[in-house]
Amino acid sequence: MAVDEAELALDGSVDLKGKPVVREKTGGWRACSLIIGYEFVERMAFAGISANLAVYLTTKLHEGTVSSAKNVSNWSGTTWITPLLGAYIADTYMGRFWTFMIFSCIYILGMGIMTLAVTLKSLRPPECRPNEVCQKASSLQIGIFYFALYLLALATGGTKPCITTFGADQFDDFHTKEKLQKNSFFNWWIFVVFCGSLLGQTLIVYVQDNISWGLASGIITAGLTISYFLFIIGIPLYRHKLPAGSPLKRMAKVIGRVIKNWKVRVPTDASSLYEVDSKEYHSQGRYPIAHTKSLRFMDKASVGNTRGSIPCTVTDVEETKLVIRILPIWLTLILPSSLLIQCSTLFVKQGMTLDRHLGSNFKISASSIGFLLQVSMLLVLLIYNRFLVPVFRRFTGNPRGITILQRIGVGMVLYTIAMVAAMLTEIKRLGVIKSHGLADNANAIVPRSIFILLPQFCIIGVAEGFLEVAKLEFFYDQAPESMQSLGNSLDAATLGVGAFLNSVILNAVNNITGRDGHQSWILDNLNASRFHYYYALLAVLNTINLIFFLTVSCFYTYKTETTQALGKESTKAIEIICSNNQNAGGIEHGIQCDQH
């Protein structure tokens, strides 16, 4: 096989017509810049909406404390659960590019409806008057607003697993330089994402609170539209991975086969397990996976039986094993995501009771205090990438500095510390309230600066600097190559399930502590609430969760990298290119594939 490896991407990437792509003309940071540009604007939009949503529900739609916090959590949960749908469509039917294109159009439509909902006076209740009961929003007003809101949740979920994975697809694992670039891709991706989030939590929130919600939504809609068309301009530069068929169907078949063959003994010789020729995987844009000894009972699916039905292939079984191994880690990441939701719910509620003046004339939004989280995270990412990774690398020999799971563990520990800090801050706030006799005045401003919340936001920012990048990298790297959109959606799903969990915990605490005439911990009157008990409970729950994480991490085995599994010289990758070339109708771009 004589091949000029410098010509084409060696990982089987194709263009929109299904033909192999030329390395020099496609992919890399040049293509990623347009993809990251859209993500920057989208994160700005999402942060601007989510950071101030609790404020809008409270001050504009006149919802109560618990109700608004639950609704924010439920919306956030939906936003982060819908990536599972986007991943399924991308991996099974349409590919990442077209799935992204469709859902991003839905995003722009949702923002257009949202702009109307917050602009037209007929679509929101009148402002509250002093000493009068606020008029509740009508069913029509609530319906239109939440229709737009959940349309955005669907669109965000549809684009989320596609855009990140599509960005990573622009780097070839089989090319030394591009592989090194890909190793740093996720760090810089998160850096840009949080720059966008920072802008959303400052500029967009400022416009919402001080100028107009309608103008802020209009800016977001225009920004998304412009970035969408810029993304389209980059089409000739993009590399694509072919859809590999439904991963859920393959996993369901494997699990069903294991149950059917439960009494069958697994042969000691792995070569007797059923497998097909590697060319069948190449034609599907998949990689064959070698047999591993983990979860050996799953190998029952690859054992033939007397009924003559076709067994599952070793590769299908190994893909299912990879997903099963991921799930315990996934479970441990749900609670930290639930703690993150406090930054856009209860932390914001606390901020609304504090002095928000900077000087005599400028007053910041309670939601904008979240910029401290973004700044902390950005600083951590810069320091970690520039200084800590090289230092850790000297001692560990790991190109990442420390392992992905170690980085996640550090983030989890910091989350517990953040909840303790939030508890102590709330105790201090309540002490000031008590000394000034403000507990019975729901509208009273506590004579303390909003920046007393700085420790809890900053610690969570540092925690996210470790946790969020590691999560993204973990689910992309550890998922099978043919299921990387699904892996990315599992990352998002931790945030979704975490948001729903927060809603459940919040509701349970509110109901349990308010029984039998007792005062609930969480009230509409924030100055009479007892948030510190709630934060202490979250700290305890996260400590228990951390112990569970450490336990399952001890038994976790990392996936063998594709380049190691297929050979350092990329022979299998070149076979994929040749197979794709032949399927496309001929050999192109000067590649010569000898048949053996």
Foldseek 3Di string as FASTA:
>chain_A
DDWDPQFFQLLLWDAPLLATHGLVQAFDVVLLVLLLLLLLLLLLVVLLCLLCVLVCCCFWQNDFQLVSLLVSLQLLLLLLQLLLVLLQCQQAPDNLVVLLLVLLVLLLVLLVLLLVLFPDPVLTADGDDPPDDGDHGDPNSVVSNVVSSNSNSNSSSNNQLRSVVQNLVSAHCLDVVSVVVSVCVLLVSVLSSLVSSLCSLAVLNCCVVPPGVSVSSVVSSVSNVVSSVSSVVSSSHGITAARQHRLVVLLVLLVVQLVVQVVPDDDPDPVQFDADDQLVQLVSRAGAFDADPPPSSSSSQRDDDPVPDHGRHRRSSVLNVLVVLCVLLLVLLQLLLLLVSCLSRVQLVVLQQAFQDDPDPDGGHSSSLLSLLSVLLSVLSVCCVPPQQVVLCVVPVDNRSDALLVLQLVLLVLSLVLLLLVLVLVVVQLVQCVVVVNLVPLNHRRHDYSCSNNSSSNSNSNSCSRNVSSQQCCLQQSRGPSSNSSSSSSSSSSNSSSSVVSSVLSVVQQVVQPPPNHHGQDGSSNSNHNCSVVSNVSSVVSVVSSVSSVVSVVVRDGDDGPCVRCDSNSPVSVVSSVSSQVVSPHDDDPTDDDDD
